[in-house]
Amino acid sequence: MRFSPTAVSGVLLVEIEPHEDERGAFARLQCPDEFAAAGAPFAPAQTSLSRNPTPNTLRGMHWQPDPHGERKLVRAVRGRMFDVAVDLRRDSPSYLKWAGVELSADNARALFIPQGVAHGFLTLEPDTDVLYQISPKFEPGHEAGARWDDPAFAISWPAAPALISKRDATYPDWRG
């Protein structure tokens, strides 16, 4: 795997290094030793799938505050999406900055999102499936969120959402 930094401290773009032969390709998607060597210790406790049949579906911006803070590895396993991470860590050099990358089944890239960073995505085509690997496991009742179009973040989304949950559309502005 190759790890590349983004505009948000600790958020990493993860690219596979497939081994190819006449049968096709094989690639490692997650390895605790390689993540630790990249400065991002990560051993998933839970794997989840988000299915999104409608293009321009927006989910986010979500996180779990301490003591249930999560680290996530997110990838599109079908379709395409614009994946976004916003730094909510007050002591971070990239506080309130965001990073956005296109993830697709074709490019096989993933985004690693550390604890204290909000996450959201916008699907870019129909039938986009998003695989989440999470550590520690999700704790219901402890989730938090901020509005996807909050002026404090000024995220440059590639399109307006066509579908968004009432909860995600009505989160309050970031008050940090």
Protein backbone atom coordinates (compact mmCIF):
# COMPACT_ATOMS: atom_id res chain seq x y z
CA MET A 1 0.00 0.00 0.00
CA ARG A 2 1.04 3.58 -0.61
CA PHE A 3 0.07 6.27 1.90
CA SER A 4 -0.13 9.94 0.87
CA PRO A 5 -0.87 12.86 3.19
CA THR A 6 -3.78 15.23 2.51
CA ALA A 7 -4.53 18.81 3.55
CA VAL A 8 -5.83 17.47 6.88
CA SER A 9 -3.22 16.29 9.36
CA GLY A 10 -3.43 12.51 9.80
CA VAL A 11 -5.91 11.95 6.97
CA LEU A 12 -4.21 9.66 4.46
CA LEU A 13 -5.02 8.64 0.91
CA VAL A 14 -4.36 4.89 0.72
CA GLU A 15 -3.60 3.35 -2.66
CA ILE A 16 -3.26 -0.34 -3.34
CA GLU A 17 -0.30 -1.99 -5.03
CA PRO A 18 -1.88 -4.90 -6.90
CA HIS A 19 0.06 -7.99 -7.91
CA GLU A 20 -1.09 -9.01 -11.36
CA ASP A 21 -0.80 -12.18 -13.39
CA GLU A 22 -2.86 -14.02 -16.01
CA ARG A 23 -5.66 -14.61 -13.47
CA GLY A 24 -6.12 -10.92 -12.69
CA ALA A 25 -4.95 -9.00 -9.63
CA PHE A 26 -4.62 -9.38 -5.88
CA ALA A 27 -4.02 -6.49 -3.48
CA ARG A 28 -3.82 -5.92 0.24
CA LEU A 29 -6.50 -3.45 1.40
CA GLN A 30 -5.58 -3.15 5.08
CA CYS A 31 -2.66 -4.35 7.18
CA PRO A 32 -2.10 -3.22 10.80
CA ASP A 33 1.70 -3.33 10.38
CA GLU A 34 1.68 -1.16 7.25
CA PHE A 35 -0.70 1.37 8.83
CA ALA A 36 1.48 1.54 11.96
CA ALA A 37 4.58 2.07 9.80
CA ALA A 38 2.73 4.95 8.06
CA GLY A 39 2.09 6.57 11.47
CA ALA A 40 -1.60 5.62 11.52
CA PRO A 41 -2.11 2.62 13.82
CA PHE A 42 -5.32 0.94 12.72
CA ALA A 43 -6.84 -2.49 13.35
CA PRO A 44 -10.54 -2.49 12.40
CA ALA A 45 -13.05 -3.79 14.92
CA GLN A 46 -16.06 -3.45 12.63
CA THR A 47 -16.78 -3.46 8.88
CA SER A 48 -19.94 -1.81 7.52
CA LEU A 49 -21.47 -1.20 4.08
CA SER A 50 -23.43 1.86 2.93
CA ARG A 51 -25.56 1.22 -0.18
CA ASN A 52 -26.59 4.31 -2.14
CA PRO A 53 -28.79 3.75 -5.22
CA THR A 54 -29.30 7.47 -6.01
CA PRO A 55 -26.57 9.68 -7.52
CA ASN A 56 -25.69 12.79 -5.51
CA THR A 57 -26.70 11.18 -2.22
CA LEU A 58 -24.96 13.03 0.58
CA ARG A 59 -24.11 11.45 3.93
CA GLY A 60 -22.31 13.53 6.55
CA MET A 61 -20.68 15.20 8.25
CA HIS A 62 -20.38 12.56 11.01
CA TRP A 63 -18.03 11.59 13.83
CA GLN A 64 -18.07 10.02 17.29
CA PRO A 65 -16.62 12.21 20.05
CA ASP A 66 -14.49 10.88 22.90
CA PRO A 67 -14.57 8.51 24.65
CA HIS A 68 -15.97 6.68 21.59
CA GLY A 69 -13.82 8.40 18.94
CA GLU A 70 -13.41 6.35 15.77
CA ARG A 71 -10.77 5.87 13.14
CA LYS A 72 -12.16 4.87 9.72
CA LEU A 73 -10.89 3.48 6.46
CA VAL A 74 -13.44 4.26 3.73
CA ARG A 75 -13.55 3.05 0.12
CA ALA A 76 -16.04 2.74 -2.75
CA VAL A 77 -16.47 -0.91 -3.70
CA ARG A 78 -19.02 -0.08 -6.40
CA GLY A 79 -19.57 3.24 -8.14
CA ARG A 80 -17.91 6.59 -7.39
CA MET A 81 -17.99 9.15 -4.62
CA PHE A 82 -16.44 12.38 -3.42
CA ASP A 83 -15.18 11.62 0.08
CA VAL A 84 -14.52 14.44 2.56
CA ALA A 85 -12.74 14.73 5.91
CA VAL A 86 -12.92 17.88 8.10
CA ASP A 87 -10.48 18.42 10.96
CA LEU A 88 -12.34 19.18 14.22
CA ARG A 89 -9.30 18.85 16.51
CA ARG A 90 -8.65 22.27 18.06
CA ASP A 91 -4.97 21.50 18.68
CA SER A 92 -4.35 20.38 15.09
CA PRO A 93 -2.39 22.53 12.60
CA SER A 94 -5.18 21.83 10.09
CA TYR A 95 -8.12 22.68 12.39
CA LEU A 96 -11.30 23.27 10.30
CA LYS A 97 -9.50 22.44 7.04
CA TRP A 98 -10.98 19.80 4.77
CA ALA A 99 -9.67 17.28 2.30
CA GLY A 100 -11.75 15.77 -0.49
CA VAL A 101 -10.86 12.93 -2.85
CA GLU A 102 -12.68 10.87 -5.44
CA LEU A 103 -12.90 7.24 -4.46
CA SER A 104 -14.22 4.65 -6.89
CA ALA A 105 -14.37 0.94 -7.46
CA ASP A 106 -12.09 1.54 -10.45
CA ASN A 107 -9.34 3.49 -8.68
CA ALA A 108 -9.53 1.27 -5.53
CA ARG A 109 -8.28 4.11 -3.33
CA ALA A 110 -9.33 4.56 0.28
CA LEU A 111 -9.30 7.42 2.76
CA PHE A 112 -8.04 6.91 6.30
CA ILE A 113 -9.80 9.23 8.75
CA PRO A 114 -8.33 9.57 12.25
CA GLN A 115 -10.19 10.24 15.48
CA GLY A 116 -11.51 13.79 15.82
CA VAL A 117 -12.10 14.24 12.09
CA ALA A 118 -15.62 14.50 10.62
CA HIS A 119 -16.47 12.41 7.57
CA GLY A 120 -18.99 12.67 4.77
CA PHE A 121 -19.42 11.79 1.12
CA LEU A 122 -21.43 12.58 -1.98
CA THR A 123 -22.13 9.77 -4.44
CA LEU A 124 -21.23 10.65 -8.02
CA GLU A 125 -23.13 7.90 -9.81
CA PRO A 126 -26.00 5.50 -9.15
CA ASP A 127 -25.50 2.37 -7.09
CA THR A 128 -22.45 3.48 -5.14
CA ASP A 129 -21.53 1.13 -2.30
CA VAL A 130 -19.18 2.37 0.41
CA LEU A 131 -17.22 0.03 2.66
CA TYR A 132 -16.25 1.30 6.12
CA GLN A 133 -13.69 -0.33 8.38
CA ILE A 134 -13.95 1.19 11.85
CA SER A 135 -12.00 1.06 15.09
CA PRO A 136 -13.24 0.91 17.75
CA LYS A 137 -16.71 -0.35 16.86
CA PHE A 138 -19.54 2.15 16.40
CA GLU A 139 -21.35 3.02 19.64
CA PRO A 140 -25.01 3.89 18.96
CA GLY A 141 -26.26 6.98 20.77
CA HIS A 142 -22.86 8.68 20.75
CA GLU A 143 -22.78 9.98 17.18
CA ALA A 144 -22.35 13.66 16.34
CA GLY A 145 -22.61 15.74 13.21
CA ALA A 146 -22.33 19.11 11.55
CA ARG A 147 -24.02 20.46 8.44
CA TRP A 148 -22.48 19.43 5.13
CA ASP A 149 -22.62 23.06 3.89
CA ASP A 150 -21.45 24.73 7.12
CA PRO A 151 -19.65 28.00 6.24
CA ALA A 152 -16.98 27.23 8.87
CA PHE A 153 -15.78 24.38 6.64
CA ALA A 154 -16.47 25.89 3.19
CA ILE A 155 -16.33 22.47 1.52
CA SER A 156 -16.34 22.68 -2.27
CA TRP A 157 -18.69 19.82 -3.15
CA PRO A 158 -18.75 18.79 -6.85
CA ALA A 159 -22.58 18.95 -6.94
CA ALA A 160 -25.55 19.82 -4.75
CA PRO A 161 -27.10 16.86 -2.96
CA ALA A 162 -30.17 15.32 -4.59
CA LEU A 163 -30.84 13.16 -1.54
CA ILE A 164 -29.89 13.86 2.08
CA SER A 165 -31.43 12.74 5.37
CA LYS A 166 -33.36 15.26 7.43
CA ARG A 167 -30.84 14.76 10.25
CA ASP A 168 -27.85 15.54 8.01
CA ALA A 169 -29.61 18.55 6.41
CA THR A 170 -30.49 20.12 9.75
CA TYR A 171 -27.37 19.67 11.86
CA PRO A 172 -26.41 22.95 13.54
CA ASP A 173 -23.51 25.10 12.44
CA TRP A 174 -20.12 24.16 13.87
CA ARG A 175 -19.59 25.88 17.19
CA GLY A 176 -16.28 24.23 18.06
